[in-house]
Protein backbone atom coordinates (compact mmCIF):
# COMPACT_ATOMS: atom_id res chain seq x y z
CA MET A 1 0.90 -51.81 -84.98
CA ARG A 2 2.34 -48.55 -83.58
CA GLY A 3 -0.94 -47.93 -81.75
CA TRP A 4 -0.57 -51.16 -79.77
CA THR A 5 3.03 -50.31 -78.91
CA VAL A 6 2.03 -46.86 -77.63
CA ALA A 7 -0.92 -48.28 -75.68
CA ALA A 8 1.29 -50.96 -74.11
CA ALA A 9 3.95 -48.38 -73.16
CA VAL A 10 1.33 -46.08 -71.58
CA LEU A 11 -0.19 -49.03 -69.68
CA LEU A 12 3.22 -50.14 -68.40
CA ALA A 13 4.10 -46.57 -67.38
CA ALA A 14 0.76 -46.20 -65.56
CA CYS A 15 1.53 -49.39 -63.61
CA GLY A 16 5.02 -48.15 -62.71
CA VAL A 17 6.80 -50.68 -64.94
CA GLU A 18 9.61 -49.49 -67.15
CA ALA A 19 9.75 -50.59 -70.76
CA PRO A 20 12.20 -53.42 -71.53
CA GLY A 21 15.71 -52.12 -72.00
CA ALA A 22 15.07 -48.96 -70.01
CA ASP A 23 17.79 -48.00 -67.55
CA ALA A 24 16.10 -48.34 -64.15
CA GLY A 25 17.61 -46.11 -61.48
CA ALA A 26 17.74 -47.02 -57.80
CA ASP A 27 14.90 -44.59 -57.03
CA SER A 28 12.52 -46.49 -59.31
CA LEU A 29 13.03 -49.61 -57.19
CA ALA A 30 12.31 -47.97 -53.83
CA VAL A 31 9.09 -49.02 -52.11
CA GLY A 32 6.46 -46.39 -52.61
CA ALA A 33 8.67 -44.36 -54.97
CA GLU A 34 6.92 -42.67 -57.85
CA PRO A 35 8.06 -43.95 -61.25
CA ALA A 36 10.13 -41.56 -63.34
CA ALA A 37 8.19 -39.88 -66.13
CA PRO A 38 9.19 -41.38 -69.49
CA ALA A 39 10.02 -39.20 -72.47
CA GLN A 40 6.82 -38.73 -74.46
CA THR A 41 6.11 -38.59 -78.16
CA PRO A 42 3.14 -36.56 -79.49
CA ALA A 43 1.11 -39.81 -79.70
CA ASP A 44 1.99 -40.64 -76.08
CA SER A 45 0.94 -37.15 -75.02
CA ALA A 46 -2.43 -37.51 -76.74
CA VAL A 47 -3.05 -40.87 -75.05
CA ALA A 48 -1.91 -39.46 -71.68
CA ALA A 49 -4.19 -36.42 -72.07
CA GLU A 50 -7.16 -38.69 -72.83
CA ALA A 51 -6.32 -40.89 -69.84
CA ALA A 52 -6.03 -37.82 -67.59
CA LYS A 53 -9.48 -36.64 -68.73
CA GLU A 54 -10.94 -40.02 -67.72
CA GLY A 55 -8.66 -40.31 -64.66
CA THR A 56 -11.32 -39.75 -62.01
CA SER A 57 -14.54 -41.58 -61.40
CA SER A 58 -17.69 -39.89 -60.14
CA GLY A 59 -17.19 -38.05 -56.88
CA GLY A 60 -13.60 -37.04 -57.69
CA VAL A 61 -12.09 -40.35 -56.49
CA PRO A 62 -9.22 -41.39 -58.77
CA SER A 63 -10.12 -44.41 -60.85
CA ALA A 64 -8.07 -47.60 -60.63
CA ALA A 65 -6.32 -46.77 -63.91
CA ALA A 66 -5.31 -43.34 -62.61
CA GLN A 67 -3.90 -44.46 -59.25
CA ASP A 68 -3.05 -48.16 -59.58
CA THR A 69 0.51 -48.42 -58.34
CA GLY A 70 -0.27 -51.58 -56.37
CA TYR A 71 -0.69 -49.49 -53.21
CA THR A 72 -3.76 -47.79 -51.82
CA ALA A 73 -3.49 -44.16 -50.73
CA TRP A 74 -2.20 -43.36 -47.23
CA ARG A 75 -5.05 -42.95 -44.71
CA ALA A 76 -4.72 -41.55 -41.18
CA VAL A 77 -5.13 -43.96 -38.26
CA THR A 78 -7.08 -42.73 -35.24
CA MET A 79 -4.75 -41.57 -32.46
CA PRO A 80 -4.08 -42.25 -29.66
CA SER A 81 -4.46 -46.00 -29.57
CA GLU A 82 -2.32 -49.04 -28.88
CA PRO A 83 0.33 -49.74 -30.09
CA TRP A 84 1.11 -46.20 -31.20
CA THR A 85 1.29 -44.72 -27.67
CA GLN A 86 4.88 -45.89 -27.07
CA GLN A 87 7.88 -43.75 -26.15
CA ALA A 88 11.63 -44.37 -26.52
CA ALA A 89 14.98 -42.58 -26.35
CA ASP A 90 15.36 -42.22 -30.14
CA PRO A 91 13.34 -42.86 -33.34
CA PRO A 92 14.92 -46.25 -34.26
CA ALA A 93 14.28 -47.53 -30.73
CA LEU A 94 10.72 -46.19 -30.86
CA LEU A 95 10.10 -47.92 -34.20
CA ALA A 96 11.45 -51.18 -32.74
CA ARG A 97 9.26 -50.82 -29.64
CA VAL A 98 6.13 -50.26 -31.75
CA ARG A 99 7.08 -53.27 -33.89
CA ASP A 100 7.41 -55.43 -30.77
CA VAL A 101 3.99 -54.33 -29.45
CA VAL A 102 2.36 -54.99 -32.84
CA ALA A 103 4.01 -58.43 -33.02
CA ALA A 104 2.74 -59.27 -29.52
CA GLN A 105 -0.79 -58.17 -30.48
CA LEU A 106 -0.61 -60.39 -33.57
CA GLU A 107 0.69 -63.22 -31.36
CA GLU A 108 3.75 -63.34 -33.60
CA PRO A 109 6.56 -65.12 -31.71
CA GLU A 110 9.32 -63.37 -33.68
CA ALA A 111 8.92 -59.58 -34.05
CA GLY A 112 11.60 -59.61 -36.78
CA VAL A 113 9.03 -60.91 -39.28
CA LEU A 114 7.59 -57.37 -39.32
CA PRO A 115 10.10 -55.36 -41.38
CA THR A 116 10.83 -51.77 -40.37
CA ARG A 117 12.87 -48.97 -41.89
CA MET A 118 13.53 -45.33 -41.15
CA GLN A 119 12.29 -43.22 -44.04
CA MET A 120 13.35 -39.80 -42.72
CA LEU A 121 15.30 -38.73 -39.64
CA SER A 122 16.16 -35.22 -38.47
CA ALA A 123 16.75 -33.49 -35.14
CA ASP A 124 13.08 -32.58 -34.65
CA SER A 125 11.11 -35.24 -36.56
CA ALA A 126 11.33 -38.74 -37.96
CA VAL A 127 9.26 -41.03 -40.14
CA GLY A 128 9.47 -44.80 -39.92
CA ILE A 129 7.74 -47.59 -41.83
CA LEU A 130 6.41 -50.79 -40.25
CA VAL A 131 5.21 -53.54 -42.61
CA HIS A 132 2.83 -56.39 -41.80
CA PRO A 133 3.75 -58.67 -44.74
CA ASP A 134 2.26 -61.70 -46.45
CA LEU A 135 -1.30 -61.48 -45.17
CA ALA A 136 -3.56 -64.48 -45.67
CA ASP A 137 -5.93 -62.34 -47.74
CA ASP A 138 -6.83 -62.75 -51.40
CA SER A 139 -6.77 -59.01 -52.13
CA VAL A 140 -4.33 -57.42 -49.62
CA ARG A 141 -0.72 -58.61 -49.71
CA ASP A 142 0.85 -56.32 -47.08
CA VAL A 143 -0.20 -53.51 -44.77
CA GLU A 144 2.24 -50.64 -44.23
CA PHE A 145 2.13 -48.20 -41.34
CA ARG A 146 3.94 -44.85 -41.60
CA LEU A 147 4.81 -43.55 -38.12
CA HIS A 148 5.45 -39.82 -37.67
CA MET A 149 7.64 -39.26 -34.60
CA ARG A 150 8.67 -36.14 -32.67
CA PRO A 151 10.61 -35.44 -29.49
CA GLN A 152 8.42 -35.30 -26.38
CA GLY A 153 9.85 -34.79 -22.93
CA ALA A 154 13.05 -36.79 -22.51
CA GLY A 155 12.35 -39.10 -25.47
CA TRP A 156 10.46 -39.56 -28.71
CA ALA A 157 6.78 -40.38 -29.26
CA VAL A 158 4.55 -41.29 -32.20
CA VAL A 159 2.39 -38.26 -33.06
CA ALA A 160 0.57 -39.60 -36.14
CA VAL A 161 0.17 -42.86 -38.04
CA ASP A 162 -0.89 -43.46 -41.64
CA ARG A 163 -1.84 -46.80 -43.19
CA ARG A 164 -1.93 -48.18 -46.72
CA GLU A 165 -2.26 -51.59 -48.29
CA ARG A 166 -0.17 -53.27 -50.98
CA CYS A 167 -2.67 -55.06 -53.19
CA ARG A 168 -2.32 -58.46 -54.82
CA ARG A 169 -4.43 -57.60 -57.89
CA GLY A 170 -4.17 -53.82 -57.99
CA VAL A 171 -6.28 -50.95 -56.70
CA ALA A 172 -9.96 -50.87 -57.70
CA ASP A 173 -12.23 -47.88 -58.21
CA GLY A 174 -12.81 -46.23 -54.85
CA GLY A 175 -9.17 -46.72 -53.75
CA LEU A 176 -9.44 -50.18 -52.16
CA CYS A 177 -7.64 -53.39 -53.15
CA ALA A 178 -9.37 -55.31 -55.94
């Protein structure tokens, strides 16, 4: 019976779910945050070592079991292109402007349905997240865009954009939503 308990704990940890009764910190609830590493017993370490050995499929691409956090990996979006070519006085205003352009392109009457948040803000760079939620897709739940912003001229501009998907049924081999 211990074997099933260990296997279940390893499976839950691989999926980013804490075992019942575990004290979940605020960081473990953050979107995109990596789950905290649980304390391991020798049996857990052996199972983890075996899983790590099998953790990549042919071609070096992580298998679904190795990377399945419900999100695909971040991929760069080709720049420059609409709507990423916006400029504004500060990063929060730039993020809002990009959100408004994306909403208009989606013919979304209310831009507020596209959640945004600043992930990092400093004097010389900023990172913001724009989410296109609740897609009518059987495999992709949400699409997230990570906007890298820097000062340019008298304002701020988007200098790079990454994209990832939040999957409904997990990440399949090859890194796409199942």
